[in-house]
Amino acid sequence: MTKGRSDAPPMGKTIGMLGASGAVGRRVVRHLLAHQPDQVEHVVTIDRRDVGYEIEDARLTSHVVEMRSPS
């Protein structure tokens, strides 16, 4: 018997996005979250600034990563 991902239980549908802070990215996030939870269970964004998606949905998690060079 081989070990690996095939032995793991099926994972939910999680979508990760890099740089969704612009108009197009925000629209994509809204579109993804418009899907039923059995289709899209979680959306994770990684942005270089706080976006404030103005979306109240427990499936959305946003992370801000500092991209400035050290002084």
PDB file of N, CA and C in Angstrom:
ATOM      1  N   MET A   1       0.848  -1.179   0.000  1.00  0.00           N
ATOM      2  CA  MET A   1       0.000   0.000   0.000  1.00  0.00           C
ATOM      3  C   MET A   1       0.889   1.237   0.000  1.00  0.00           C
ATOM      4  N   THR A   2       0.600   2.177  -0.877  1.00  0.00           N
ATOM      5  CA  THR A   2       1.387   3.402  -0.950  1.00  0.00           C
ATOM      6  C   THR A   2       0.775   4.463  -0.061  1.00  0.00           C
ATOM      7  N   LYS A   3       1.630   5.290   0.480  1.00  0.00           N
ATOM      8  CA  LYS A   3       1.151   6.390   1.310  1.00  0.00           C
ATOM      9  C   LYS A   3       1.218   7.672   0.507  1.00  0.00           C
ATOM     10  N   GLY A   4       0.359   8.599   0.837  1.00  0.00           N
ATOM     11  CA  GLY A   4       0.366   9.884   0.131  1.00  0.00           C
ATOM     12  C   GLY A   4      -1.017  10.486   0.126  1.00  0.00           C
ATOM     13  N   ARG A   5      -1.186  11.405  -0.770  1.00  0.00           N
ATOM     14  CA  ARG A   5      -2.444  12.139  -0.821  1.00  0.00           C
ATOM     15  C   ARG A   5      -3.624  11.236  -1.152  1.00  0.00           C
ATOM     16  N   SER A   6      -3.397  10.150  -1.855  1.00  0.00           N
ATOM     17  CA  SER A   6      -4.526   9.283  -2.201  1.00  0.00           C
ATOM     18  C   SER A   6      -5.133   8.637  -0.964  1.00  0.00           C
ATOM     19  N   ASP A   7      -4.354   8.534   0.144  1.00  0.00           N
ATOM     20  CA  ASP A   7      -4.854   7.964   1.384  1.00  0.00           C
ATOM     21  C   ASP A   7      -5.587   8.999   2.233  1.00  0.00           C
ATOM     22  N   ALA A   8      -5.419  10.260   1.919  1.00  0.00           N
ATOM     23  CA  ALA A   8      -6.025  11.329   2.708  1.00  0.00           C
ATOM     24  C   ALA A   8      -7.495  11.472   2.343  1.00  0.00           C
ATOM     25  N   PRO A   9      -8.307  11.922   3.311  1.00  0.00           N
ATOM     26  CA  PRO A   9      -9.711  12.168   2.960  1.00  0.00           C
ATOM     27  C   PRO A   9      -9.808  13.311   1.954  1.00  0.00           C
ATOM     28  N   PRO A  10     -10.850  13.345   1.148  1.00  0.00           N
ATOM     29  CA  PRO A  10     -10.970  14.419   0.158  1.00  0.00           C
ATOM     30  C   PRO A  10     -11.031  15.786   0.837  1.00  0.00           C
ATOM     31  N   MET A  11     -10.320  16.735   0.253  1.00  0.00           N
ATOM     32  CA  MET A  11     -10.299  18.093   0.796  1.00  0.00           C
ATOM     33  C   MET A  11     -11.369  18.935   0.124  1.00  0.00           C
ATOM     34  N   GLY A  12     -11.780  19.985   0.817  1.00  0.00           N
ATOM     35  CA  GLY A  12     -12.748  20.903   0.251  1.00  0.00           C
ATOM     36  C   GLY A  12     -12.150  21.718  -0.877  1.00  0.00           C
ATOM     37  N   LYS A  13     -12.971  22.453  -1.533  1.00  0.00           N
ATOM     38  CA  LYS A  13     -12.539  23.285  -2.653  1.00  0.00           C
ATOM     39  C   LYS A  13     -12.091  24.636  -2.123  1.00  0.00           C
ATOM     40  N   THR A  14     -10.795  24.785  -1.930  1.00  0.00           N
ATOM     41  CA  THR A  14     -10.222  26.037  -1.461  1.00  0.00           C
ATOM     42  C   THR A  14      -9.496  26.687  -2.628  1.00  0.00           C
ATOM     43  N   ILE A  15      -9.740  27.989  -2.816  1.00  0.00           N
ATOM     44  CA  ILE A  15      -9.116  28.726  -3.912  1.00  0.00           C
ATOM     45  C   ILE A  15      -8.228  29.796  -3.311  1.00  0.00           C
ATOM     46  N   GLY A  16      -6.984  29.841  -3.750  1.00  0.00           N
ATOM     47  CA  GLY A  16      -6.048  30.866  -3.319  1.00  0.00           C
ATOM     48  C   GLY A  16      -5.820  31.867  -4.434  1.00  0.00           C
ATOM     49  N   MET A  17      -5.772  33.155  -4.066  1.00  0.00           N
ATOM     50  CA  MET A  17      -5.543  34.206  -5.057  1.00  0.00           C
ATOM     51  C   MET A  17      -4.415  35.106  -4.579  1.00  0.00           C
ATOM     52  N   LEU A  18      -3.521  35.434  -5.471  1.00  0.00           N
ATOM     53  CA  LEU A  18      -2.457  36.384  -5.187  1.00  0.00           C
ATOM     54  C   LEU A  18      -2.792  37.709  -5.841  1.00  0.00           C
ATOM     55  N   GLY A  19      -2.778  38.771  -5.062  1.00  0.00           N
ATOM     56  CA  GLY A  19      -2.981  40.105  -5.623  1.00  0.00           C
ATOM     57  C   GLY A  19      -4.371  40.350  -6.164  1.00  0.00           C
ATOM     58  N   ALA A  20      -5.371  40.227  -5.332  1.00  0.00           N
ATOM     59  CA  ALA A  20      -6.757  40.440  -5.766  1.00  0.00           C
ATOM     60  C   ALA A  20      -7.259  41.805  -5.310  1.00  0.00           C
ATOM     61  N   SER A  21      -6.367  42.795  -5.237  1.00  0.00           N
ATOM     62  CA  SER A  21      -6.748  44.091  -4.665  1.00  0.00           C
ATOM     63  C   SER A  21      -7.354  45.060  -5.667  1.00  0.00           C
ATOM     64  N   GLY A  22      -7.184  44.825  -6.944  1.00  0.00           N
ATOM     65  CA  GLY A  22      -7.732  45.727  -7.962  1.00  0.00           C
ATOM     66  C   GLY A  22      -9.183  45.444  -8.267  1.00  0.00           C
ATOM     67  N   ALA A  23      -9.715  46.184  -9.195  1.00  0.00           N
ATOM     68  CA  ALA A  23     -11.125  46.047  -9.561  1.00  0.00           C
ATOM     69  C   ALA A  23     -11.441  44.649 -10.089  1.00  0.00           C
ATOM     70  N   VAL A  24     -10.570  44.113 -10.920  1.00  0.00           N
ATOM     71  CA  VAL A  24     -10.811  42.779 -11.488  1.00  0.00           C
ATOM     72  C   VAL A  24     -10.714  41.719 -10.396  1.00  0.00           C
ATOM     73  N   GLY A  25      -9.689  41.812  -9.555  1.00  0.00           N
ATOM     74  CA  GLY A  25      -9.524  40.837  -8.479  1.00  0.00           C
ATOM     75  C   GLY A  25     -10.696  40.826  -7.522  1.00  0.00           C
ATOM     76  N   ARG A  26     -11.179  42.012  -7.168  1.00  0.00           N
ATOM     77  CA  ARG A  26     -12.340  42.092  -6.271  1.00  0.00           C
ATOM     78  C   ARG A  26     -13.573  41.456  -6.904  1.00  0.00           C
ATOM     79  N   ARG A  27     -13.724  41.694  -8.194  1.00  0.00           N
ATOM     80  CA  ARG A  27     -14.872  41.114  -8.898  1.00  0.00           C
ATOM     81  C   ARG A  27     -14.772  39.588  -8.938  1.00  0.00           C
ATOM     82  N   VAL A  28     -13.568  39.080  -9.142  1.00  0.00           N
ATOM     83  CA  VAL A  28     -13.362  37.627  -9.156  1.00  0.00           C
ATOM     84  C   VAL A  28     -13.693  37.034  -7.787  1.00  0.00           C
ATOM     85  N   VAL A  29     -13.250  37.702  -6.706  1.00  0.00           N
ATOM     86  CA  VAL A  29     -13.548  37.222  -5.352  1.00  0.00           C
ATOM     87  C   VAL A  29     -15.059  37.180  -5.137  1.00  0.00           C
ATOM     88  N   ARG A  30     -15.757  38.245  -5.510  1.00  0.00           N
ATOM     89  CA  ARG A  30     -17.217  38.262  -5.363  1.00  0.00           C
ATOM     90  C   ARG A  30     -17.868  37.139  -6.176  1.00  0.00           C
ATOM     91  N   HIS A  31     -17.361  36.920  -7.384  1.00  0.00           N
ATOM     92  CA  HIS A  31     -17.913  35.871  -8.238  1.00  0.00           C
ATOM     93  C   HIS A  31     -17.699  34.489  -7.612  1.00  0.00           C
ATOM     94  N   LEU A  32     -16.509  34.256  -7.080  1.00  0.00           N
ATOM     95  CA  LEU A  32     -16.234  32.964  -6.451  1.00  0.00           C
ATOM     96  C   LEU A  32     -17.144  32.719  -5.253  1.00  0.00           C
ATOM     97  N   LEU A  33     -17.332  33.746  -4.435  1.00  0.00           N
ATOM     98  CA  LEU A  33     -18.158  33.596  -3.242  1.00  0.00           C
ATOM     99  C   LEU A  33     -19.644  33.530  -3.563  1.00  0.00           C
ATOM    100  N   ALA A  34     -20.024  33.863  -4.785  1.00  0.00           N
ATOM    101  CA  ALA A  34     -21.420  33.737  -5.197  1.00  0.00           C
ATOM    102  C   ALA A  34     -21.795  32.275  -5.425  1.00  0.00           C
ATOM    103  N   HIS A  35     -20.781  31.418  -5.583  1.00  0.00           N
ATOM    104  CA  HIS A  35     -21.039  29.985  -5.746  1.00  0.00           C
ATOM    105  C   HIS A  35     -21.531  29.393  -4.425  1.00  0.00           C
ATOM    106  N   GLN A  36     -22.225  28.302  -4.525  1.00  0.00           N
ATOM    107  CA  GLN A  36     -22.700  27.592  -3.333  1.00  0.00           C
ATOM    108  C   GLN A  36     -21.512  27.054  -2.537  1.00  0.00           C
ATOM    109  N   PRO A  37     -21.641  26.949  -1.212  1.00  0.00           N
ATOM    110  CA  PRO A  37     -20.541  26.463  -0.378  1.00  0.00           C
ATOM    111  C   PRO A  37     -20.045  25.066  -0.748  1.00  0.00           C
ATOM    112  N   ASP A  38     -20.876  24.227  -1.341  1.00  0.00           N
ATOM    113  CA  ASP A  38     -20.381  22.910  -1.746  1.00  0.00           C
ATOM    114  C   ASP A  38     -19.519  22.992  -3.001  1.00  0.00           C
ATOM    115  N   GLN A  39     -19.568  24.123  -3.707  1.00  0.00           N
ATOM    116  CA  GLN A  39     -18.721  24.322  -4.877  1.00  0.00           C
ATOM    117  C   GLN A  39     -17.436  25.054  -4.506  1.00  0.00           C
ATOM    118  N   VAL A  40     -17.543  26.100  -3.705  1.00  0.00           N
ATOM    119  CA  VAL A  40     -16.386  26.876  -3.237  1.00  0.00           C
ATOM    120  C   VAL A  40     -16.513  26.982  -1.726  1.00  0.00           C
ATOM    121  N   GLU A  41     -15.660  26.238  -1.017  1.00  0.00           N
ATOM    122  CA  GLU A  41     -15.748  26.213   0.438  1.00  0.00           C
ATOM    123  C   GLU A  41     -14.931  27.306   1.109  1.00  0.00           C
ATOM    124  N   HIS A  42     -13.866  27.763   0.455  1.00  0.00           N
ATOM    125  CA  HIS A  42     -12.990  28.751   1.086  1.00  0.00           C
ATOM    126  C   HIS A  42     -12.214  29.505   0.006  1.00  0.00           C
ATOM    127  N   VAL A  43     -12.084  30.822   0.185  1.00  0.00           N
ATOM    128  CA  VAL A  43     -11.268  31.655  -0.707  1.00  0.00           C
ATOM    129  C   VAL A  43     -10.243  32.371   0.165  1.00  0.00           C
ATOM    130  N   VAL A  44      -8.974  32.213  -0.189  1.00  0.00           N
ATOM    131  CA  VAL A  44      -7.880  32.848   0.550  1.00  0.00           C
ATOM    132  C   VAL A  44      -7.186  33.825  -0.393  1.00  0.00           C
ATOM    133  N   THR A  45      -7.067  35.084   0.042  1.00  0.00           N
ATOM    134  CA  THR A  45      -6.350  36.070  -0.771  1.00  0.00           C
ATOM    135  C   THR A  45      -5.080  36.483  -0.048  1.00  0.00           C
ATOM    136  N   ILE A  46      -4.052  36.744  -0.823  1.00  0.00           N
ATOM    137  CA  ILE A  46      -2.790  37.276  -0.313  1.00  0.00           C
ATOM    138  C   ILE A  46      -2.521  38.552  -1.091  1.00  0.00           C
ATOM    139  N   ASP A  47      -2.526  39.662  -0.368  1.00  0.00           N
ATOM    140  CA  ASP A  47      -2.392  40.971  -1.001  1.00  0.00           C
ATOM    141  C   ASP A  47      -1.225  41.740  -0.392  1.00  0.00           C
ATOM    142  N   ARG A  48      -0.783  42.763  -1.079  1.00  0.00           N
ATOM    143  CA  ARG A  48       0.304  43.601  -0.570  1.00  0.00           C
ATOM    144  C   ARG A  48      -0.204  44.793   0.227  1.00  0.00           C
ATOM    145  N   ARG A  49      -1.533  44.962   0.251  1.00  0.00           N
ATOM    146  CA  ARG A  49      -2.134  46.025   1.055  1.00  0.00           C
ATOM    147  C   ARG A  49      -3.504  45.561   1.528  1.00  0.00           C
ATOM    148  N   ASP A  50      -4.018  46.215   2.577  1.00  0.00           N
ATOM    149  CA  ASP A  50      -5.339  45.875   3.085  1.00  0.00           C
ATOM    150  C   ASP A  50      -6.384  46.333   2.081  1.00  0.00           C
ATOM    151  N   VAL A  51      -7.165  45.421   1.622  1.00  0.00           N
ATOM    152  CA  VAL A  51      -8.118  45.716   0.559  1.00  0.00           C
ATOM    153  C   VAL A  51      -9.476  46.128   1.115  1.00  0.00           C
ATOM    154  N   GLY A  52      -9.948  45.451   2.135  1.00  0.00           N
ATOM    155  CA  GLY A  52     -11.295  45.727   2.634  1.00  0.00           C
ATOM    156  C   GLY A  52     -12.315  45.337   1.587  1.00  0.00           C
ATOM    157  N   TYR A  53     -12.489  44.058   1.365  1.00  0.00           N
ATOM    158  CA  TYR A  53     -13.351  43.552   0.296  1.00  0.00           C
ATOM    159  C   TYR A  53     -14.815  43.913   0.471  1.00  0.00           C
ATOM    160  N   GLU A  54     -15.211  44.353   1.666  1.00  0.00           N
ATOM    161  CA  GLU A  54     -16.602  44.721   1.933  1.00  0.00           C
ATOM    162  C   GLU A  54     -17.542  43.559   1.639  1.00  0.00           C
ATOM    163  N   ILE A  55     -17.064  42.351   1.929  1.00  0.00           N
ATOM    164  CA  ILE A  55     -17.850  41.143   1.736  1.00  0.00           C
ATOM    165  C   ILE A  55     -17.925  40.441   3.086  1.00  0.00           C
ATOM    166  N   GLU A  56     -19.126  40.237   3.568  1.00  0.00           N
ATOM    167  CA  GLU A  56     -19.315  39.514   4.830  1.00  0.00           C
ATOM    168  C   GLU A  56     -19.576  38.051   4.495  1.00  0.00           C
ATOM    169  N   ASP A  57     -18.510  37.271   4.448  1.00  0.00           N
ATOM    170  CA  ASP A  57     -18.641  35.855   4.132  1.00  0.00           C
ATOM    171  C   ASP A  57     -17.559  35.113   4.904  1.00  0.00           C
ATOM    172  N   ALA A  58     -17.963  34.161   5.711  1.00  0.00           N
ATOM    173  CA  ALA A  58     -17.011  33.411   6.540  1.00  0.00           C
ATOM    174  C   ALA A  58     -16.041  32.589   5.699  1.00  0.00           C
ATOM    175  N   ARG A  59     -16.349  32.401   4.429  1.00  0.00           N
ATOM    176  CA  ARG A  59     -15.455  31.621   3.562  1.00  0.00           C
ATOM    177  C   ARG A  59     -14.259  32.427   3.072  1.00  0.00           C
ATOM    178  N   LEU A  60     -14.254  33.738   3.270  1.00  0.00           N
ATOM    179  CA  LEU A  60     -13.180  34.600   2.781  1.00  0.00           C
ATOM    180  C   LEU A  60     -12.161  34.867   3.882  1.00  0.00           C
ATOM    181  N   THR A  61     -10.897  34.587   3.581  1.00  0.00           N
ATOM    182  CA  THR A  61      -9.785  34.905   4.468  1.00  0.00           C
ATOM    183  C   THR A  61      -8.786  35.723   3.668  1.00  0.00           C
ATOM    184  N   SER A  62      -8.400  36.882   4.199  1.00  0.00           N
ATOM    185  CA  SER A  62      -7.445  37.755   3.516  1.00  0.00           C
ATOM    186  C   SER A  62      -6.196  37.914   4.363  1.00  0.00           C
ATOM    187  N   HIS A  63      -5.051  37.859   3.704  1.00  0.00           N
ATOM    188  CA  HIS A  63      -3.770  38.068   4.365  1.00  0.00           C
ATOM    189  C   HIS A  63      -3.048  39.207   3.655  1.00  0.00           C
ATOM    190  N   VAL A  64      -2.404  40.067   4.440  1.00  0.00           N
ATOM    191  CA  VAL A  64      -1.611  41.147   3.881  1.00  0.00           C
ATOM    192  C   VAL A  64      -0.145  40.824   4.151  1.00  0.00           C
ATOM    193  N   VAL A  65       0.668  40.876   3.096  1.00  0.00           N
ATOM    194  CA  VAL A  65       2.099  40.589   3.192  1.00  0.00           C
ATOM    195  C   VAL A  65       2.845  41.879   2.880  1.00  0.00           C
ATOM    196  N   GLU A  66       3.685  42.308   3.817  1.00  0.00           N
ATOM    197  CA  GLU A  66       4.480  43.513   3.628  1.00  0.00           C
ATOM    198  C   GLU A  66       5.502  43.275   2.516  1.00  0.00           C
ATOM    199  N   MET A  67       5.484  44.123   1.506  1.00  0.00           N
ATOM    200  CA  MET A  67       6.361  43.939   0.342  1.00  0.00           C
ATOM    201  C   MET A  67       7.443  45.001   0.236  1.00  0.00           C
ATOM    202  N   ARG A  68       7.475  45.947   1.162  1.00  0.00           N
ATOM    203  CA  ARG A  68       8.482  47.001   1.087  1.00  0.00           C
ATOM    204  C   ARG A  68       9.847  46.444   1.451  1.00  0.00           C
ATOM    205  N   SER A  69      10.859  47.016   0.852  1.00  0.00           N
ATOM    206  CA  SER A  69      12.213  46.595   1.199  1.00  0.00           C
ATOM    207  C   SER A  69      12.606  47.220   2.537  1.00  0.00           C
ATOM    208  N   PRO A  70      13.408  46.512   3.338  1.00  0.00           N
ATOM    209  CA  PRO A  70      13.792  47.055   4.648  1.00  0.00           C
ATOM    210  C   PRO A  70      14.618  48.329   4.488  1.00  0.00           C
ATOM    211  N   SER A  71      14.452  49.262   5.429  1.00  0.00           N
ATOM    212  CA  SER A  71      15.193  50.517   5.354  1.00  0.00           C
ATOM    213  C   SER A  71      16.507  50.418   6.077  1.00  0.00           C
TER     214      SER A  71
END
